[in-house]
Every structure is written in C-alpha cells, then in structure tokens.
Amino acid sequence: MTHPHLDRRESDRLVHDSAGGLDRLLEIMARLRDPATGCPWDIEQTFATIAPYTLEEAHEVADAIDRQAWGELKGELGDLLFQTVYHARMASEAGHFTFADVVTAISDKMLARHPHVFGDQSRDKTAEQQTKDWEAAKAAERGQARTLDGIAQSLPALTRALKLQNRAARVGFDWPSTDKVLDKLTEEAREVVEARDTLSHTELTEEIGDLLFVMANLARHLKVDPEAALRAANAKFTRRFARIEDWLAETGKRPADSDLAEMDALWNRAKAEEKAQR
C-alpha cells in the first residue's frame, strides 16, 4: 500500500485525486518525507517528536465525541489516521515494517479476538463475557509476562490507574466491596491532612497520588470512568466560570476586579441556573 516507484507525473496525479482514498494519503506522506523534495519539518521528525502529536490528536477525537461535534469528528479522525500513516512511514524508512504490515497485524488480531464472529464460537454470550474473553486472549498473547505488563506509561494517569486496577482485580487483588474502598479513601484523605502539616513536599505529593489512585478505584467499583468524570467536571467548571465572567462584564467588571464572596455567589447562581434548565 505504498508507491515507492511512482514517477513524478503519476505521483502528482494521485495526490491531487480527491477520490484517491488511502493510497492518496500514503503517497502524500511519502512526498512529505522525501529527502530531496519533501517538507523540511516533516523530514526531520522522529517517532519521539511525533508521539506527542499522536496523543494530542487522540484527545481531540475524544473531545469532539464528548461535545457531540460530529462535523468536527471527521476531521479529527483524519488527523489521527494521519498519525498512524506518519509512524508507519518512518518505520518503513527504517526497515522495521510497512503500513501494509500494520493493517495485516490489526486485521489478524481482530479475527483472533473475535472467534464468536469469525470462527466457530457461539455469539450467545453477554458483553461482559465477551470482555472477559478479550482480556483472556490478550493475556494469552502476553504469555508469561507479569500481570501489569503492557499498560502504556503514556496513558493519562487516571486512565492508567483504572487499567492497572482492572488488571490486578482479574487475578483477585481487589477490595471486595465499595465500602472497603470508601474506608481506604477516608484513610488516605486523613494522611494527606497529616502530610500537609508534618511532611516534605515530596512526601505530600506521594500522599496526594495515593488519594487520587483510590479515587480511581472508587470510580471503578461504581462503574464510572474516572477520566470521563473528570472531563465532565472540567467542562462544568469552565461553563460556570464563563457565566461568572458574563455577569461580571454586565457590571463593567472582570474577575480580577471582583472578590471570592461575589464570585462564589455568582457560581451558586450559575449552578441554580443549570439545575433549572434540566
């Protein structure tokens, strides 16, 4: 699915063909990375320098979905696809693998992990059982690796905490009830208070981390995605603070001209406004 031998005329024809599909995108990437005629910025990039953009594009996809911005989602998915093409092109140049190898690998994986669709297993099972089967297949692929191996370090911290806890829970390392998690949450909150008054900043940071980790575990036990919950809380804070700014502006003021008492009253007004609109 690459075109290393296209002459310039054929390459130009393909990159300007709006119906060229994936072949067109691959050729555009090849042209951008061409050492002689490509884009200087694109030529000098590496896996390490592109990786932050890959994460950013994935977050922008999630953001568009959160906002139900379906018109934007098409473009964001294209940006994310381009990241895959970019990494595959660099891998091909280094002799590691090609984009076709990427496609083959994911296709083979989907077939192997969905025997109830592509094989002879029954489809008569719950989504929960299918999730367990999926994880069992992943564990088999990992072979004798440690329980927590393979969970990406670069995931958002709350998401990674959730995945670590889920993986540990599958081998029996888990609190038996939500009450036990709440007890642990109270304990960790008390330790943060003690650390604030008696410990170093490094030790306080550790205690805050422990508290956040237990919060993620509480969300897991309550079947809440902590990352999604925090994104929603961020959006709510942004929305309500914007209302505070709007109301202050009506009186010719900015937040810096106000004080906590006034802004807190306006926050409660924004909160009441939202509740009334539900």
C-alpha atoms as a PDB file:
ATOM      1  CA  MET A   1       0.000   0.000   0.000  1.00  0.00           C
ATOM      2  CA  THR A   2       2.896   2.330  -0.741  1.00  0.00           C
ATOM      3  CA  HIS A   3       4.113   3.651  -4.066  1.00  0.00           C
ATOM      4  CA  PRO A   4       7.916   3.880  -3.965  1.00  0.00           C
ATOM      5  CA  HIS A   5       8.258   3.579  -7.734  1.00  0.00           C
ATOM      6  CA  LEU A   6       5.693   6.125  -8.911  1.00  0.00           C
ATOM      7  CA  ASP A   7       7.187   8.680 -11.249  1.00  0.00           C
ATOM      8  CA  ARG A   8       6.508  12.348 -10.537  1.00  0.00           C
ATOM      9  CA  ARG A   9       3.652  12.586 -13.023  1.00  0.00           C
ATOM     10  CA  GLU A  10       1.846   9.580 -11.551  1.00  0.00           C
ATOM     11  CA  SER A  11       2.529  10.815  -8.039  1.00  0.00           C
ATOM     12  CA  ASP A  12       1.105  14.252  -8.857  1.00  0.00           C
ATOM     13  CA  ARG A  13      -1.954  12.636 -10.413  1.00  0.00           C
ATOM     14  CA  LEU A  14      -2.562  10.569  -7.284  1.00  0.00           C
ATOM     15  CA  VAL A  15      -2.021  13.290  -4.670  1.00  0.00           C
ATOM     16  CA  HIS A  16      -4.431  15.604  -6.483  1.00  0.00           C
ATOM     17  CA  ASP A  17      -7.080  12.902  -6.979  1.00  0.00           C
ATOM     18  CA  SER A  18      -9.817  13.623  -4.422  1.00  0.00           C
ATOM     19  CA  ALA A  19     -11.065  10.060  -4.867  1.00  0.00           C
ATOM     20  CA  GLY A  20      -7.632   8.544  -4.285  1.00  0.00           C
ATOM     21  CA  GLY A  21      -8.519   7.318  -0.809  1.00  0.00           C
ATOM     22  CA  LEU A  22      -5.895   5.736   1.388  1.00  0.00           C
ATOM     23  CA  ASP A  23      -3.427   5.330  -1.475  1.00  0.00           C
ATOM     24  CA  ARG A  24      -3.530   9.102  -1.906  1.00  0.00           C
ATOM     25  CA  LEU A  25      -2.794   9.712   1.773  1.00  0.00           C
ATOM     26  CA  LEU A  26       0.119   7.274   1.748  1.00  0.00           C
ATOM     27  CA  GLU A  27       1.598   8.973  -1.299  1.00  0.00           C
ATOM     28  CA  ILE A  28       1.189  12.412   0.310  1.00  0.00           C
ATOM     29  CA  MET A  29       3.093  11.122   3.340  1.00  0.00           C
ATOM     30  CA  ALA A  30       5.828   9.692   1.104  1.00  0.00           C
ATOM     31  CA  ARG A  31       6.169  13.016  -0.679  1.00  0.00           C
ATOM     32  CA  LEU A  32       6.325  14.955   2.605  1.00  0.00           C
ATOM     33  CA  ARG A  33       9.160  12.720   3.807  1.00  0.00           C
ATOM     34  CA  ASP A  34      11.082  12.688   0.519  1.00  0.00           C
ATOM     35  CA  PRO A  35      14.665  13.702   1.459  1.00  0.00           C
ATOM     36  CA  ALA A  36      15.154  15.699  -1.726  1.00  0.00           C
ATOM     37  CA  THR A  37      11.815  17.378  -2.359  1.00  0.00           C
ATOM     38  CA  GLY A  38       9.778  16.970   0.832  1.00  0.00           C
ATOM     39  CA  CYS A  39       8.897  19.333   3.672  1.00  0.00           C
ATOM     40  CA  PRO A  40      11.957  20.181   5.828  1.00  0.00           C
ATOM     41  CA  TRP A  41       9.910  19.969   9.020  1.00  0.00           C
ATOM     42  CA  ASP A  42       8.379  16.589   8.167  1.00  0.00           C
ATOM     43  CA  ILE A  43      11.746  15.188   7.070  1.00  0.00           C
ATOM     44  CA  GLU A  44      13.447  15.903  10.378  1.00  0.00           C
ATOM     45  CA  GLN A  45      10.737  14.357  12.574  1.00  0.00           C
ATOM     46  CA  THR A  46      11.243  11.119  14.518  1.00  0.00           C
ATOM     47  CA  PHE A  47       8.992   8.686  16.383  1.00  0.00           C
ATOM     48  CA  ALA A  48       9.744  10.554  19.596  1.00  0.00           C
ATOM     49  CA  THR A  49       8.934  14.014  18.222  1.00  0.00           C
ATOM     50  CA  ILE A  50       5.710  12.860  16.565  1.00  0.00           C
ATOM     51  CA  ALA A  51       4.398  10.835  19.517  1.00  0.00           C
ATOM     52  CA  PRO A  52       3.119  13.916  21.444  1.00  0.00           C
ATOM     53  CA  TYR A  53       1.080  14.931  18.391  1.00  0.00           C
ATOM     54  CA  THR A  54      -0.382  11.422  18.248  1.00  0.00           C
ATOM     55  CA  LEU A  55      -1.563  11.721  21.841  1.00  0.00           C
ATOM     56  CA  GLU A  56      -2.927  15.199  21.190  1.00  0.00           C
ATOM     57  CA  GLU A  57      -4.909  14.036  18.170  1.00  0.00           C
ATOM     58  CA  ALA A  58      -6.379  11.118  20.130  1.00  0.00           C
ATOM     59  CA  HIS A  59      -7.517  13.545  22.836  1.00  0.00           C
ATOM     60  CA  GLU A  60      -9.063  15.819  20.204  1.00  0.00           C
ATOM     61  CA  VAL A  61     -11.047  12.870  18.858  1.00  0.00           C
ATOM     62  CA  ALA A  62     -12.328  12.188  22.375  1.00  0.00           C
ATOM     63  CA  ASP A  63     -13.129  15.871  22.860  1.00  0.00           C
ATOM     64  CA  ALA A  64     -15.180  16.030  19.667  1.00  0.00           C
ATOM     65  CA  ILE A  65     -17.116  12.964  20.779  1.00  0.00           C
ATOM     66  CA  ASP A  66     -17.708  14.432  24.254  1.00  0.00           C
ATOM     67  CA  ARG A  67     -19.113  17.580  22.655  1.00  0.00           C
ATOM     68  CA  GLN A  68     -21.031  15.544  20.052  1.00  0.00           C
ATOM     69  CA  ALA A  69     -19.352  17.751  17.445  1.00  0.00           C
ATOM     70  CA  TRP A  70     -19.950  15.300  14.627  1.00  0.00           C
ATOM     71  CA  GLY A  71     -18.925  17.780  11.941  1.00  0.00           C
ATOM     72  CA  GLU A  72     -15.537  18.163  13.612  1.00  0.00           C
ATOM     73  CA  LEU A  73     -15.118  14.453  14.315  1.00  0.00           C
ATOM     74  CA  LYS A  74     -14.493  13.622  10.663  1.00  0.00           C
ATOM     75  CA  GLY A  75     -11.501  15.950  10.582  1.00  0.00           C
ATOM     76  CA  GLU A  76     -10.187  14.809  13.966  1.00  0.00           C
ATOM     77  CA  LEU A  77     -10.338  11.157  12.893  1.00  0.00           C
ATOM     78  CA  GLY A  78      -8.450  12.113   9.746  1.00  0.00           C
ATOM     79  CA  ASP A  79      -5.774  13.786  11.849  1.00  0.00           C
ATOM     80  CA  LEU A  80      -5.471  10.634  13.960  1.00  0.00           C
ATOM     81  CA  LEU A  81      -5.271   8.422  10.873  1.00  0.00           C
ATOM     82  CA  PHE A  82      -2.501  10.641   9.547  1.00  0.00           C
ATOM     83  CA  GLN A  83      -0.541   9.978  12.727  1.00  0.00           C
ATOM     84  CA  THR A  84      -0.688   6.232  12.032  1.00  0.00           C
ATOM     85  CA  VAL A  85       0.428   6.824   8.464  1.00  0.00           C
ATOM     86  CA  TYR A  86       3.259   9.044   9.713  1.00  0.00           C
ATOM     87  CA  HIS A  87       4.624   6.452  12.137  1.00  0.00           C
ATOM     88  CA  ALA A  88       4.266   3.676   9.577  1.00  0.00           C
ATOM     89  CA  ARG A  89       6.181   5.717   7.005  1.00  0.00           C
ATOM     90  CA  MET A  90       9.058   6.320   9.397  1.00  0.00           C
ATOM     91  CA  ALA A  91       9.069   2.632  10.303  1.00  0.00           C
ATOM     92  CA  SER A  92       9.187   1.692   6.627  1.00  0.00           C
ATOM     93  CA  GLU A  93      12.111   4.048   6.017  1.00  0.00           C
ATOM     94  CA  ALA A  94      13.971   2.440   8.929  1.00  0.00           C
ATOM     95  CA  GLY A  95      13.209  -1.069   7.670  1.00  0.00           C
ATOM     96  CA  HIS A  96      11.014  -2.031  10.638  1.00  0.00           C
ATOM     97  CA  PHE A  97       7.627  -2.597   8.948  1.00  0.00           C
ATOM     98  CA  THR A  98       5.258  -1.033   6.419  1.00  0.00           C
ATOM     99  CA  PHE A  99       1.759   0.385   6.590  1.00  0.00           C
ATOM    100  CA  ALA A 100       0.547  -2.854   4.979  1.00  0.00           C
ATOM    101  CA  ASP A 101       2.087  -4.755   7.895  1.00  0.00           C
ATOM    102  CA  VAL A 102       0.149  -2.534  10.312  1.00  0.00           C
ATOM    103  CA  VAL A 103      -3.102  -3.313   8.501  1.00  0.00           C
ATOM    104  CA  THR A 104      -2.328  -7.030   8.450  1.00  0.00           C
ATOM    105  CA  ALA A 105      -1.453  -7.067  12.151  1.00  0.00           C
ATOM    106  CA  ILE A 106      -4.666  -5.389  13.299  1.00  0.00           C
ATOM    107  CA  SER A 107      -6.799  -7.474  10.935  1.00  0.00           C
ATOM    108  CA  ASP A 108      -5.252 -10.703  12.201  1.00  0.00           C
ATOM    109  CA  LYS A 109      -5.719  -9.550  15.801  1.00  0.00           C
ATOM    110  CA  MET A 110      -9.406  -8.756  15.284  1.00  0.00           C
ATOM    111  CA  LEU A 111     -10.024 -12.192  13.781  1.00  0.00           C
ATOM    112  CA  ALA A 112      -8.167 -13.939  16.607  1.00  0.00           C
ATOM    113  CA  ARG A 113     -10.021 -11.999  19.311  1.00  0.00           C
ATOM    114  CA  HIS A 114     -13.491 -12.420  17.802  1.00  0.00           C
ATOM    115  CA  PRO A 115     -13.922 -16.164  17.308  1.00  0.00           C
ATOM    116  CA  HIS A 116     -17.631 -15.673  18.032  1.00  0.00           C
ATOM    117  CA  VAL A 117     -17.856 -13.609  14.841  1.00  0.00           C
ATOM    118  CA  PHE A 118     -15.186 -15.036  12.520  1.00  0.00           C
ATOM    119  CA  GLY A 119     -14.813 -18.526  13.987  1.00  0.00           C
ATOM    120  CA  ASP A 120     -16.961 -21.305  15.371  1.00  0.00           C
ATOM    121  CA  GLN A 121     -17.654 -19.946  18.860  1.00  0.00           C
ATOM    122  CA  SER A 122     -21.203 -19.060  19.827  1.00  0.00           C
ATOM    123  CA  ARG A 123     -22.295 -15.410  19.830  1.00  0.00           C
ATOM    124  CA  ASP A 124     -24.723 -16.238  22.631  1.00  0.00           C
ATOM    125  CA  LYS A 125     -22.879 -14.514  25.474  1.00  0.00           C
ATOM    126  CA  THR A 126     -23.069 -11.178  27.246  1.00  0.00           C
ATOM    127  CA  ALA A 127     -20.929  -8.145  26.505  1.00  0.00           C
ATOM    128  CA  GLU A 128     -19.337  -8.705  29.932  1.00  0.00           C
ATOM    129  CA  GLN A 129     -18.346 -12.264  28.993  1.00  0.00           C
ATOM    130  CA  GLN A 130     -17.005 -11.054  25.656  1.00  0.00           C
ATOM    131  CA  THR A 131     -14.864  -8.508  27.529  1.00  0.00           C
ATOM    132  CA  LYS A 132     -13.503 -11.291  29.759  1.00  0.00           C
ATOM    133  CA  ASP A 133     -12.758 -13.424  26.698  1.00  0.00           C
ATOM    134  CA  TRP A 134     -10.991 -10.448  25.083  1.00  0.00           C
ATOM    135  CA  GLU A 135      -8.798  -9.963  28.121  1.00  0.00           C
ATOM    136  CA  ALA A 136      -8.079 -13.684  28.270  1.00  0.00           C
ATOM    137  CA  ALA A 137      -6.931 -13.564  24.652  1.00  0.00           C
ATOM    138  CA  LYS A 138      -4.691 -10.601  25.433  1.00  0.00           C
ATOM    139  CA  ALA A 139      -3.240 -12.468  28.409  1.00  0.00           C
ATOM    140  CA  ALA A 140      -2.522 -15.481  26.210  1.00  0.00           C
ATOM    141  CA  GLU A 141      -0.740 -13.215  23.731  1.00  0.00           C
ATOM    142  CA  ARG A 142       1.388 -11.784  26.540  1.00  0.00           C
ATOM    143  CA  GLY A 143       2.421 -15.309  27.504  1.00  0.00           C
ATOM    144  CA  GLN A 144       4.339 -15.390  30.783  1.00  0.00           C
ATOM    145  CA  ALA A 145       4.573 -11.614  31.145  1.00  0.00           C
ATOM    146  CA  ARG A 146       3.846 -10.039  34.514  1.00  0.00           C
ATOM    147  CA  THR A 147       0.249  -9.163  35.320  1.00  0.00           C
ATOM    148  CA  LEU A 148       0.678  -5.409  34.857  1.00  0.00           C
ATOM    149  CA  ASP A 149       2.925  -5.548  31.785  1.00  0.00           C
ATOM    150  CA  GLY A 150       1.757  -3.899  28.584  1.00  0.00           C
ATOM    151  CA  ILE A 151      -0.185  -0.981  30.081  1.00  0.00           C
ATOM    152  CA  ALA A 152       1.224   2.086  28.377  1.00  0.00           C
ATOM    153  CA  GLN A 153       3.141   4.519  30.568  1.00  0.00           C
ATOM    154  CA  SER A 154       1.971   7.465  28.469  1.00  0.00           C
ATOM    155  CA  LEU A 155      -1.743   6.982  29.155  1.00  0.00           C
ATOM    156  CA  PRO A 156      -3.474   9.742  31.121  1.00  0.00           C
ATOM    157  CA  ALA A 157      -2.759   8.968  34.759  1.00  0.00           C
ATOM    158  CA  LEU A 158      -6.372   8.295  35.765  1.00  0.00           C
ATOM    159  CA  THR A 159      -6.912   6.010  32.790  1.00  0.00           C
ATOM    160  CA  ARG A 160      -3.713   4.105  33.537  1.00  0.00           C
ATOM    161  CA  ALA A 161      -4.705   3.769  37.199  1.00  0.00           C
ATOM    162  CA  LEU A 162      -8.018   2.260  36.115  1.00  0.00           C
ATOM    163  CA  LYS A 163      -6.317  -0.207  33.782  1.00  0.00           C
ATOM    164  CA  LEU A 164      -3.784  -1.221  36.439  1.00  0.00           C
ATOM    165  CA  GLN A 165      -6.566  -1.817  38.952  1.00  0.00           C
ATOM    166  CA  ASN A 166      -8.678  -3.783  36.479  1.00  0.00           C
ATOM    167  CA  ARG A 167      -5.716  -5.985  35.595  1.00  0.00           C
ATOM    168  CA  ALA A 168      -4.914  -6.647  39.266  1.00  0.00           C
ATOM    169  CA  ALA A 169      -8.571  -7.328  40.040  1.00  0.00           C
ATOM    170  CA  ARG A 170      -8.695 -10.077  37.419  1.00  0.00           C
ATOM    171  CA  VAL A 171      -6.181 -12.083  39.455  1.00  0.00           C
ATOM    172  CA  GLY A 172      -8.034 -11.462  42.726  1.00  0.00           C
ATOM    173  CA  PHE A 173      -6.175  -8.414  44.065  1.00  0.00           C
ATOM    174  CA  ASP A 174      -9.146  -6.182  44.764  1.00  0.00           C
ATOM    175  CA  TRP A 175     -11.306  -4.883  47.589  1.00  0.00           C
ATOM    176  CA  PRO A 176     -14.477  -6.961  47.945  1.00  0.00           C
ATOM    177  CA  SER A 177     -16.872  -4.028  48.225  1.00  0.00           C
ATOM    178  CA  THR A 178     -17.283  -0.314  47.648  1.00  0.00           C
ATOM    179  CA  ASP A 179     -17.446   0.192  51.437  1.00  0.00           C
ATOM    180  CA  LYS A 180     -13.856  -1.003  51.762  1.00  0.00           C
ATOM    181  CA  VAL A 181     -12.772   1.469  49.082  1.00  0.00           C
ATOM    182  CA  LEU A 182     -14.557   4.302  50.896  1.00  0.00           C
ATOM    183  CA  ASP A 183     -12.780   3.316  54.111  1.00  0.00           C
ATOM    184  CA  LYS A 184      -9.464   3.482  52.272  1.00  0.00           C
ATOM    185  CA  LEU A 185     -10.428   6.849  50.777  1.00  0.00           C
ATOM    186  CA  THR A 186     -11.056   8.232  54.260  1.00  0.00           C
ATOM    187  CA  GLU A 187      -7.722   6.853  55.430  1.00  0.00           C
ATOM    188  CA  GLU A 188      -5.821   8.393  52.515  1.00  0.00           C
ATOM    189  CA  ALA A 189      -7.556  11.761  52.966  1.00  0.00           C
ATOM    190  CA  ARG A 190      -6.532  11.757  56.631  1.00  0.00           C
ATOM    191  CA  GLU A 191      -2.937  11.001  55.625  1.00  0.00           C
ATOM    192  CA  VAL A 192      -2.962  13.955  53.230  1.00  0.00           C
ATOM    193  CA  VAL A 193      -4.016  16.244  56.092  1.00  0.00           C
ATOM    194  CA  GLU A 194      -1.225  14.870  58.274  1.00  0.00           C
ATOM    195  CA  ALA A 195       1.293  15.179  55.428  1.00  0.00           C
ATOM    196  CA  ARG A 196       0.329  18.808  54.846  1.00  0.00           C
ATOM    197  CA  ASP A 197       1.351  19.690  58.361  1.00  0.00           C
ATOM    198  CA  THR A 198       4.336  17.428  59.013  1.00  0.00           C
ATOM    199  CA  LEU A 199       5.899  16.009  55.836  1.00  0.00           C
ATOM    200  CA  SER A 200       8.039  17.282  52.972  1.00  0.00           C
ATOM    201  CA  HIS A 201       6.608  18.347  49.639  1.00  0.00           C
ATOM    202  CA  THR A 202       7.838  15.101  48.088  1.00  0.00           C
ATOM    203  CA  GLU A 203       6.025  13.054  50.726  1.00  0.00           C
ATOM    204  CA  LEU A 204       2.911  15.198  50.340  1.00  0.00           C
ATOM    205  CA  THR A 205       2.981  14.577  46.589  1.00  0.00           C
ATOM    206  CA  GLU A 206       3.093  10.842  47.266  1.00  0.00           C
ATOM    207  CA  GLU A 207       0.095  11.054  49.589  1.00  0.00           C
ATOM    208  CA  ILE A 208      -1.894  13.062  47.033  1.00  0.00           C
ATOM    209  CA  GLY A 209      -1.051  10.397  44.454  1.00  0.00           C
ATOM    210  CA  ASP A 210      -2.313   7.673  46.787  1.00  0.00           C
ATOM    211  CA  LEU A 211      -5.557   9.596  47.290  1.00  0.00           C
ATOM    212  CA  LEU A 212      -6.093  10.016  43.551  1.00  0.00           C
ATOM    213  CA  PHE A 213      -5.346   6.327  42.973  1.00  0.00           C
ATOM    214  CA  VAL A 214      -8.025   5.339  45.486  1.00  0.00           C
ATOM    215  CA  MET A 215     -10.445   7.795  43.861  1.00  0.00           C
ATOM    216  CA  ALA A 216      -9.898   5.994  40.563  1.00  0.00           C
ATOM    217  CA  ASN A 217     -10.553   2.702  42.324  1.00  0.00           C
ATOM    218  CA  LEU A 218     -13.778   4.034  43.820  1.00  0.00           C
ATOM    219  CA  ALA A 219     -14.918   5.099  40.364  1.00  0.00           C
ATOM    220  CA  ARG A 220     -14.087   1.622  39.043  1.00  0.00           C
ATOM    221  CA  HIS A 221     -16.139  -0.074  41.747  1.00  0.00           C
ATOM    222  CA  LEU A 222     -19.047   2.236  40.936  1.00  0.00           C
ATOM    223  CA  LYS A 223     -18.604   1.514  37.201  1.00  0.00           C
ATOM    224  CA  VAL A 224     -17.723   5.143  36.448  1.00  0.00           C
ATOM    225  CA  ASP A 225     -14.938   6.089  34.036  1.00  0.00           C
ATOM    226  CA  PRO A 226     -12.831   8.466  36.166  1.00  0.00           C
ATOM    227  CA  GLU A 227     -11.275  10.138  33.124  1.00  0.00           C
ATOM    228  CA  ALA A 228     -14.707  10.849  31.647  1.00  0.00           C
ATOM    229  CA  ALA A 229     -15.991  12.011  35.027  1.00  0.00           C
ATOM    230  CA  LEU A 230     -13.116  14.460  35.434  1.00  0.00           C
ATOM    231  CA  ARG A 231     -13.515  15.732  31.860  1.00  0.00           C
ATOM    232  CA  ALA A 232     -17.180  16.392  32.617  1.00  0.00           C
ATOM    233  CA  ALA A 233     -16.235  18.195  35.823  1.00  0.00           C
ATOM    234  CA  ASN A 234     -13.700  20.302  33.909  1.00  0.00           C
ATOM    235  CA  ALA A 235     -16.351  21.193  31.334  1.00  0.00           C
ATOM    236  CA  LYS A 236     -18.818  22.118  34.072  1.00  0.00           C
ATOM    237  CA  PHE A 237     -16.265  24.319  35.825  1.00  0.00           C
ATOM    238  CA  THR A 238     -15.406  26.047  32.530  1.00  0.00           C
ATOM    239  CA  ARG A 239     -19.069  26.594  31.715  1.00  0.00           C
ATOM    240  CA  ARG A 240     -19.980  28.014  35.111  1.00  0.00           C
ATOM    241  CA  PHE A 241     -16.925  30.240  35.350  1.00  0.00           C
ATOM    242  CA  ALA A 242     -17.808  31.652  31.922  1.00  0.00           C
ATOM    243  CA  ARG A 243     -21.217  32.631  33.331  1.00  0.00           C
ATOM    244  CA  ILE A 244     -19.466  34.375  36.236  1.00  0.00           C
ATOM    245  CA  GLU A 245     -17.402  36.359  33.737  1.00  0.00           C
ATOM    246  CA  ASP A 246     -20.527  37.194  31.707  1.00  0.00           C
ATOM    247  CA  TRP A 247     -22.380  38.539  34.742  1.00  0.00           C
ATOM    248  CA  LEU A 248     -19.370  40.499  35.955  1.00  0.00           C
ATOM    249  CA  ALA A 249     -18.951  42.000  32.488  1.00  0.00           C
ATOM    250  CA  GLU A 250     -22.535  43.287  32.656  1.00  0.00           C
ATOM    251  CA  THR A 251     -21.414  45.466  35.548  1.00  0.00           C
ATOM    252  CA  GLY A 252     -18.198  46.501  33.829  1.00  0.00           C
ATOM    253  CA  LYS A 253     -16.026  44.204  35.924  1.00  0.00           C
ATOM    254  CA  ARG A 254     -13.585  41.367  35.364  1.00  0.00           C
ATOM    255  CA  PRO A 255     -12.784  38.503  37.766  1.00  0.00           C
ATOM    256  CA  ALA A 256      -9.656  40.357  38.882  1.00  0.00           C
ATOM    257  CA  ASP A 257     -11.894  43.276  39.914  1.00  0.00           C
ATOM    258  CA  SER A 258     -14.156  41.023  41.978  1.00  0.00           C
ATOM    259  CA  ASP A 259     -13.620  39.052  45.171  1.00  0.00           C
ATOM    260  CA  LEU A 260     -14.253  35.494  46.299  1.00  0.00           C
ATOM    261  CA  ALA A 261     -17.549  36.266  48.045  1.00  0.00           C
ATOM    262  CA  GLU A 262     -19.045  37.875  44.924  1.00  0.00           C
ATOM    263  CA  MET A 263     -17.772  35.205  42.568  1.00  0.00           C
ATOM    264  CA  ASP A 264     -18.923  32.418  44.884  1.00  0.00           C
ATOM    265  CA  ALA A 265     -22.431  33.926  44.898  1.00  0.00           C
ATOM    266  CA  LEU A 266     -22.374  34.088  41.109  1.00  0.00           C
ATOM    267  CA  TRP A 267     -21.144  30.491  40.980  1.00  0.00           C
ATOM    268  CA  ASN A 268     -24.165  29.418  43.019  1.00  0.00           C
ATOM    269  CA  ARG A 269     -26.362  31.430  40.653  1.00  0.00           C
ATOM    270  CA  ALA A 270     -24.841  29.607  37.667  1.00  0.00           C
ATOM    271  CA  LYS A 271     -25.349  26.306  39.424  1.00  0.00           C
ATOM    272  CA  ALA A 272     -29.007  27.102  40.107  1.00  0.00           C
ATOM    273  CA  GLU A 273     -29.456  28.254  36.517  1.00  0.00           C
ATOM    274  CA  GLU A 274     -28.183  24.929  35.208  1.00  0.00           C
ATOM    275  CA  LYS A 275     -30.423  22.956  37.531  1.00  0.00           C
ATOM    276  CA  ALA A 276     -33.449  24.955  36.399  1.00  0.00           C
ATOM    277  CA  GLN A 277     -32.655  24.168  32.767  1.00  0.00           C
ATOM    278  CA  ARG A 278     -32.556  20.401  33.293  1.00  0.00           C
END
